[in-house]
Amino acid sequence: MTYPHQMLSAEPHDRLGEHRNDQGWLDTRWADPTSRVLVVSGTRVRPVEGALPWVATDEAPDGVRVLLGERDGTTSWAVIVGPEAAASQEGEWYPLRGLLPALAGGTRADAPLVFHALGLAEWHWATRHCPRCGGALASRAAGHELRCTECGKTQFPRTDPAVIMLISTGEPGTDEERCLLGRSPQWPPGRFSTLAGFCEPGESLEDAVRREVAEEAGIVVGEVAYFGNQPWPLPQSLMLGFLGRALSTDIQVDAREIEDARWFTRAEMRDQAEADTLVLPGGISISRSLIEHWYGGELPGQW
């Protein structure tokens, strides 16, 4: 079975890391008329008629050049310009979350490139000064390093590991088996999802699953098994999916991150999803994949 979240990573590009410090090679590829550029204003992109607006390199504005890589013989770049560009040009500019519907549609093949581009744009936007001395930073390695102009310390892009998990209880595969879903206080009525949270320093991923579920829903988790992962640069995360088995069933929500959590049988999940009283995560998310893996097939409705 191909899970929904895998669609956005189905066509990865060669990142060409060995060429990032070869200025002659970079100049030659930039001059290639088949190369294309995604213009990023701050951390936003402007779709045109629902599609991503790749332009030729001679049409790209001045800015920080980022080598994304190559796929099917085409070299792709991003150029990061200031956020004022979005304010001065017509059309609506979107952050990555606003681009997800387009990436789930006809431009799905470009999703790894866009994740790469906007993940680096977010890092450039947030990393303004050297953490050692406070000096100014200069872009290096085709946008993949920032080096301090004062002390020479190099900064690299960071990715924060986050766990996302479907917890179940009861005899696996039976009508009585249930899974745990929760909802944030900010969500519209009826919206539920799997629990998730960030891994803390010195913590294994499995222990992060157990801690987060205990903190958010008061459920004790025993066995934890890896399911899969999804890049999620919103702004700089890697979602690591897990399946867990509950050792307790008495729910006690933390009332801060989670306002409600419930156990659902497969029949309850199906009936409520069909009635639109249960709204589940979107089809491109690993949360949706975890839920449909446990359910055993596709479910109606989504965010």
Protein backbone atom coordinates (compact mmCIF):
# COMPACT_ATOMS: atom_id res chain seq x y z
CA MET A 1 0.00 0.00 0.00
CA THR A 2 1.26 3.47 -0.88
CA TYR A 3 0.38 5.81 1.97
CA PRO A 4 -0.82 9.38 1.37
CA HIS A 5 2.20 11.11 2.89
CA GLN A 6 4.58 9.23 0.58
CA MET A 7 3.19 11.02 -2.48
CA LEU A 8 5.04 14.25 -1.63
CA SER A 9 8.40 12.47 -1.48
CA ALA A 10 7.90 10.11 -4.41
CA GLU A 11 10.21 11.97 -6.81
CA PRO A 12 13.34 13.13 -4.93
CA HIS A 13 16.03 15.18 -6.65
CA ASP A 14 19.79 14.73 -6.72
CA ARG A 15 20.97 17.48 -4.36
CA LEU A 16 24.41 17.70 -6.00
CA GLY A 17 26.11 18.39 -2.69
CA GLU A 18 29.54 17.73 -4.12
CA HIS A 19 29.22 20.81 -6.37
CA ARG A 20 28.07 23.39 -3.81
CA ASN A 21 31.56 24.87 -3.39
CA ASP A 22 32.60 24.59 -7.04
CA GLN A 23 31.99 28.13 -8.29
CA GLY A 24 32.93 27.35 -11.88
CA TRP A 25 30.43 24.48 -12.01
CA LEU A 26 27.75 26.63 -10.36
CA ASP A 27 28.27 29.44 -12.86
CA THR A 28 28.04 27.02 -15.79
CA ARG A 29 24.80 25.51 -14.53
CA TRP A 30 23.33 28.94 -13.80
CA ALA A 31 24.05 29.97 -17.38
CA ASP A 32 22.39 26.85 -18.78
CA PRO A 33 19.14 27.96 -20.49
CA THR A 34 17.36 24.82 -19.28
CA SER A 35 17.94 25.67 -15.60
CA ARG A 36 14.97 27.02 -13.67
CA VAL A 37 14.47 29.15 -10.57
CA LEU A 38 11.84 29.39 -7.84
CA VAL A 39 11.71 32.94 -6.47
CA VAL A 40 11.11 33.07 -2.71
CA SER A 41 10.20 36.38 -1.05
CA GLY A 42 11.26 36.01 2.56
CA THR A 43 9.66 32.62 3.11
CA ARG A 44 6.80 32.90 0.60
CA VAL A 45 6.11 31.88 -2.98
CA ARG A 46 3.52 33.29 -5.38
CA PRO A 47 1.60 30.60 -7.30
CA VAL A 48 0.32 31.51 -10.75
CA GLU A 49 -3.01 29.93 -11.67
CA GLY A 50 -2.45 27.23 -9.07
CA ALA A 51 1.01 26.29 -10.33
CA LEU A 52 4.48 27.11 -9.05
CA PRO A 53 6.13 29.91 -11.05
CA TRP A 54 9.52 28.53 -12.10
CA VAL A 55 11.42 31.07 -14.21
CA ALA A 56 14.59 31.01 -16.31
CA THR A 57 17.78 32.10 -14.54
CA ASP A 58 18.03 35.27 -16.67
CA GLU A 59 14.55 36.25 -15.42
CA ALA A 60 15.38 35.75 -11.74
CA PRO A 61 15.99 38.77 -9.48
CA ASP A 62 19.19 39.33 -7.53
CA GLY A 63 19.21 37.53 -4.21
CA VAL A 64 20.69 34.57 -2.36
CA ARG A 65 21.16 31.77 -4.88
CA VAL A 66 20.38 28.31 -3.55
CA LEU A 67 21.26 25.21 -5.54
CA LEU A 68 18.41 22.75 -5.07
CA GLY A 69 19.61 19.99 -7.40
CA GLU A 70 18.86 18.07 -10.53
CA ARG A 71 16.08 15.83 -11.73
CA ASP A 72 15.48 14.50 -15.24
CA GLY A 73 18.43 16.55 -16.54
CA THR A 74 17.11 19.89 -15.29
CA THR A 75 18.95 21.91 -12.64
CA SER A 76 16.66 23.70 -10.19
CA TRP A 77 17.51 26.69 -8.05
CA ALA A 78 15.86 29.02 -5.59
CA VAL A 79 16.58 32.73 -5.27
CA ILE A 80 15.72 34.20 -1.88
CA VAL A 81 14.86 37.89 -1.92
CA GLY A 82 13.60 40.18 0.83
CA PRO A 83 9.99 40.06 2.04
CA GLU A 84 9.40 43.48 0.50
CA ALA A 85 9.20 41.80 -2.92
CA ALA A 86 5.91 40.18 -1.93
CA ALA A 87 4.50 43.54 -0.88
CA SER A 88 5.53 45.26 -4.12
CA GLN A 89 4.21 42.70 -6.62
CA GLU A 90 0.67 41.79 -7.55
CA GLY A 91 -0.77 38.45 -6.53
CA GLU A 92 -0.86 36.61 -3.25
CA TRP A 93 2.31 35.10 -1.82
CA TYR A 94 1.95 31.99 0.33
CA PRO A 95 4.09 30.28 2.96
CA LEU A 96 4.59 26.54 2.61
CA ARG A 97 1.38 25.59 4.41
CA GLY A 98 -0.62 27.62 1.90
CA LEU A 99 1.11 25.82 -0.98
CA LEU A 100 0.23 22.32 0.20
CA PRO A 101 -3.01 22.11 -1.84
CA ALA A 102 -1.09 22.94 -5.02
CA LEU A 103 1.65 20.44 -4.16
CA ALA A 104 -0.96 17.74 -3.58
CA GLY A 105 -2.33 18.36 -7.07
CA GLY A 106 -0.65 18.74 -10.43
CA THR A 107 2.66 20.05 -9.06
CA ARG A 108 3.19 17.12 -6.68
CA ALA A 109 6.45 16.12 -8.39
CA ASP A 110 7.98 19.45 -7.36
CA ALA A 111 7.18 18.98 -3.67
CA PRO A 112 10.68 17.79 -2.62
CA LEU A 113 12.22 20.80 -4.40
CA VAL A 114 9.79 23.24 -2.77
CA PHE A 115 10.32 21.70 0.67
CA HIS A 116 14.07 22.06 0.12
CA ALA A 117 13.77 25.68 -1.05
CA LEU A 118 11.41 26.91 1.66
CA GLY A 119 13.18 24.98 4.39
CA LEU A 120 16.40 26.82 3.53
CA ALA A 121 14.55 30.12 3.13
CA GLU A 122 13.10 29.74 6.64
CA TRP A 123 16.59 28.98 7.98
CA HIS A 124 18.12 32.02 6.25
CA TRP A 125 15.28 34.17 7.60
CA ALA A 126 15.65 32.97 11.19
CA THR A 127 19.46 32.79 11.32
CA ARG A 128 20.62 36.39 11.23
CA HIS A 129 23.64 36.51 13.56
CA CYS A 130 26.45 34.25 14.69
CA PRO A 131 25.46 32.54 17.98
CA ARG A 132 29.11 32.64 19.13
CA CYS A 133 29.99 36.31 18.66
CA GLY A 134 26.92 38.01 17.19
CA GLY A 135 28.69 38.82 13.92
CA ALA A 136 27.11 39.04 10.50
CA LEU A 137 26.62 35.85 8.50
CA ALA A 138 27.44 35.32 4.82
CA SER A 139 25.90 32.65 2.61
CA ARG A 140 28.23 29.89 1.40
CA ALA A 141 28.00 26.47 -0.29
CA ALA A 142 25.22 27.52 -2.67
CA GLY A 143 23.00 28.61 0.22
CA HIS A 144 23.58 25.58 2.47
CA GLU A 145 26.00 27.20 4.94
CA LEU A 146 26.19 30.53 6.77
CA ARG A 147 29.67 31.62 7.84
CA CYS A 148 30.38 34.33 10.38
CA THR A 149 32.31 37.25 8.87
CA GLU A 150 33.87 38.01 12.28
CA CYS A 151 34.93 34.71 13.90
CA GLY A 152 34.55 32.33 10.97
CA LYS A 153 32.17 29.89 12.70
CA THR A 154 29.93 28.07 10.22
CA GLN A 155 26.22 27.47 10.75
CA PHE A 156 24.34 24.64 9.06
CA PRO A 157 20.61 24.17 8.48
CA ARG A 158 18.83 22.44 11.32
CA THR A 159 16.01 19.94 11.31
CA ASP A 160 14.03 19.26 14.48
CA PRO A 161 12.81 15.68 14.98
CA ALA A 162 9.13 15.46 15.91
CA VAL A 163 7.26 12.27 16.74
CA ILE A 164 3.70 11.66 15.56
CA MET A 165 1.91 8.55 16.72
CA LEU A 166 -1.20 6.47 16.53
CA ILE A 167 -1.88 4.72 19.83
CA SER A 168 -4.22 1.75 19.97
CA THR A 169 -5.73 -0.54 22.60
CA GLY A 170 -7.61 -3.83 22.46
CA GLU A 171 -7.04 -6.99 20.47
CA PRO A 172 -5.44 -5.93 17.18
CA GLY A 173 -7.75 -6.23 14.18
CA THR A 174 -10.92 -6.89 16.15
CA ASP A 175 -14.08 -4.78 16.17
CA GLU A 176 -13.29 -3.78 19.75
CA GLU A 177 -9.83 -2.37 19.01
CA ARG A 178 -9.70 1.41 19.44
CA CYS A 179 -7.27 4.17 18.52
CA LEU A 180 -6.60 7.44 20.29
CA LEU A 181 -7.13 10.81 18.60
CA GLY A 182 -6.98 14.29 20.09
CA ARG A 183 -7.84 17.86 19.15
CA SER A 184 -6.23 21.26 19.69
CA PRO A 185 -8.26 24.08 21.27
CA GLN A 186 -7.71 26.21 18.13
CA TRP A 187 -9.27 23.70 15.73
CA PRO A 188 -12.83 23.89 14.33
CA PRO A 189 -15.43 21.58 15.90
CA GLY A 190 -15.07 17.92 15.00
CA ARG A 191 -11.42 18.04 13.92
CA PHE A 192 -9.26 15.31 15.45
CA SER A 193 -5.80 13.98 14.69
CA THR A 194 -3.02 11.79 15.99
CA LEU A 195 -0.93 13.12 18.87
CA ALA A 196 2.50 14.60 18.15
CA GLY A 197 5.37 16.45 19.80
CA PHE A 198 9.06 17.29 19.61
CA CYS A 199 11.88 15.06 20.77
CA GLU A 200 13.82 16.55 23.69
CA PRO A 201 17.64 16.53 24.10
CA GLY A 202 19.01 13.17 25.19
CA GLU A 203 15.71 11.39 24.52
CA SER A 204 15.11 8.42 22.24
CA LEU A 205 12.31 8.69 19.72
CA GLU A 206 10.38 5.85 21.39
CA ASP A 207 10.60 7.58 24.77
CA ALA A 208 9.46 10.83 23.17
CA VAL A 209 6.33 8.99 21.97
CA ARG A 210 5.63 7.68 25.46
CA ARG A 211 6.28 11.04 27.14
CA GLU A 212 4.16 13.10 24.75
CA VAL A 213 1.16 10.76 24.99
CA ALA A 214 1.42 10.71 28.77
CA GLU A 215 1.70 14.50 28.96
CA GLU A 216 -1.10 15.28 26.53
CA ALA A 217 -3.62 12.52 27.22
CA GLY A 218 -2.52 10.78 30.43
CA ILE A 219 -2.17 7.43 28.62
CA VAL A 220 0.68 5.06 29.47
CA VAL A 221 2.26 3.57 26.32
CA GLY A 222 4.28 0.36 26.18
CA GLU A 223 5.36 -1.09 22.83
CA VAL A 224 6.35 1.48 20.19
CA ALA A 225 7.12 0.59 16.55
CA TYR A 226 8.45 2.80 13.77
CA PHE A 227 6.04 3.48 10.87
CA GLY A 228 7.64 6.02 8.52
CA ASN A 229 8.64 9.66 8.18
CA GLN A 230 7.74 12.84 6.33
CA PRO A 231 9.77 16.02 5.82
CA TRP A 232 7.73 18.84 7.30
CA PRO A 233 9.65 22.12 7.00
CA LEU A 234 7.00 24.21 8.77
CA PRO A 235 9.47 25.63 9.47
CA GLN A 236 12.15 22.94 10.09
CA SER A 237 10.74 19.61 11.24
CA LEU A 238 11.03 15.97 10.29
CA MET A 239 7.90 14.07 11.30
CA LEU A 240 8.73 10.54 12.49
CA GLY A 241 5.67 8.32 12.61
CA PHE A 242 5.12 5.56 15.16
CA LEU A 243 2.53 3.01 16.19
CA GLY A 244 2.13 2.46 19.93
CA ARG A 245 0.17 0.17 22.21
CA ALA A 246 -1.54 1.60 25.28
CA LEU A 247 -1.10 0.10 28.74
CA SER A 248 -3.89 2.26 30.17
CA THR A 249 -7.10 3.74 28.77
CA ASP A 250 -8.20 6.44 31.24
CA ILE A 251 -7.82 9.75 29.35
CA GLN A 252 -6.71 12.87 31.22
CA VAL A 253 -6.00 15.70 28.79
CA ASP A 254 -3.52 18.43 29.65
CA ALA A 255 -6.11 21.13 28.68
CA ARG A 256 -3.36 23.25 27.10
CA GLU A 257 -2.13 21.58 23.92
CA ILE A 258 -5.03 19.11 23.85
CA GLU A 259 -8.57 20.08 24.84
CA ASP A 260 -10.15 16.72 24.07
CA ALA A 261 -9.01 13.17 23.31
CA ARG A 262 -11.12 10.12 22.56
CA TRP A 263 -10.90 6.44 21.74
CA PHE A 264 -12.48 5.42 18.42
CA THR A 265 -13.37 1.98 17.11
CA ARG A 266 -13.19 1.51 13.35
CA ALA A 267 -16.98 1.57 13.09
CA GLU A 268 -17.22 4.77 15.13
CA MET A 269 -14.50 6.40 13.03
CA ARG A 270 -16.18 5.43 9.75
CA ASP A 271 -19.70 6.45 10.82
CA GLN A 272 -18.62 9.82 12.22
CA ALA A 273 -16.38 10.59 9.24
CA GLU A 274 -19.26 9.83 6.86
CA ALA A 275 -21.53 12.09 8.92
CA ASP A 276 -18.89 14.89 8.92
CA THR A 277 -18.92 14.98 12.71
CA LEU A 278 -15.34 13.66 12.73
CA VAL A 279 -12.93 15.57 10.51
CA LEU A 280 -9.60 13.81 9.95
CA PRO A 281 -6.20 15.12 8.74
CA GLY A 282 -5.50 15.83 5.08
CA GLY A 283 -4.55 13.13 2.63
CA ILE A 284 -0.94 14.28 2.23
CA SER A 285 -0.03 14.09 5.90
CA ILE A 286 1.63 11.22 7.70
CA SER A 287 -1.11 11.58 10.31
CA ARG A 288 -3.64 10.53 7.67
CA SER A 289 -1.40 7.62 6.70
CA LEU A 290 -1.17 6.42 10.30
CA ILE A 291 -4.95 6.56 10.70
CA GLU A 292 -5.70 4.76 7.43
CA HIS A 293 -3.02 2.15 8.16
CA TRP A 294 -4.76 1.34 11.44
CA TYR A 295 -8.25 1.54 9.92
CA GLY A 296 -7.27 -0.72 7.03
CA GLY A 297 -8.16 1.51 4.08
CA GLU A 298 -9.33 4.93 2.96
CA LEU A 299 -11.72 7.02 5.00
CA PRO A 300 -14.13 9.74 3.87
CA GLY A 301 -13.53 13.42 4.54
CA GLN A 302 -10.42 15.37 5.45
CA TRP A 303 -9.24 18.83 6.44
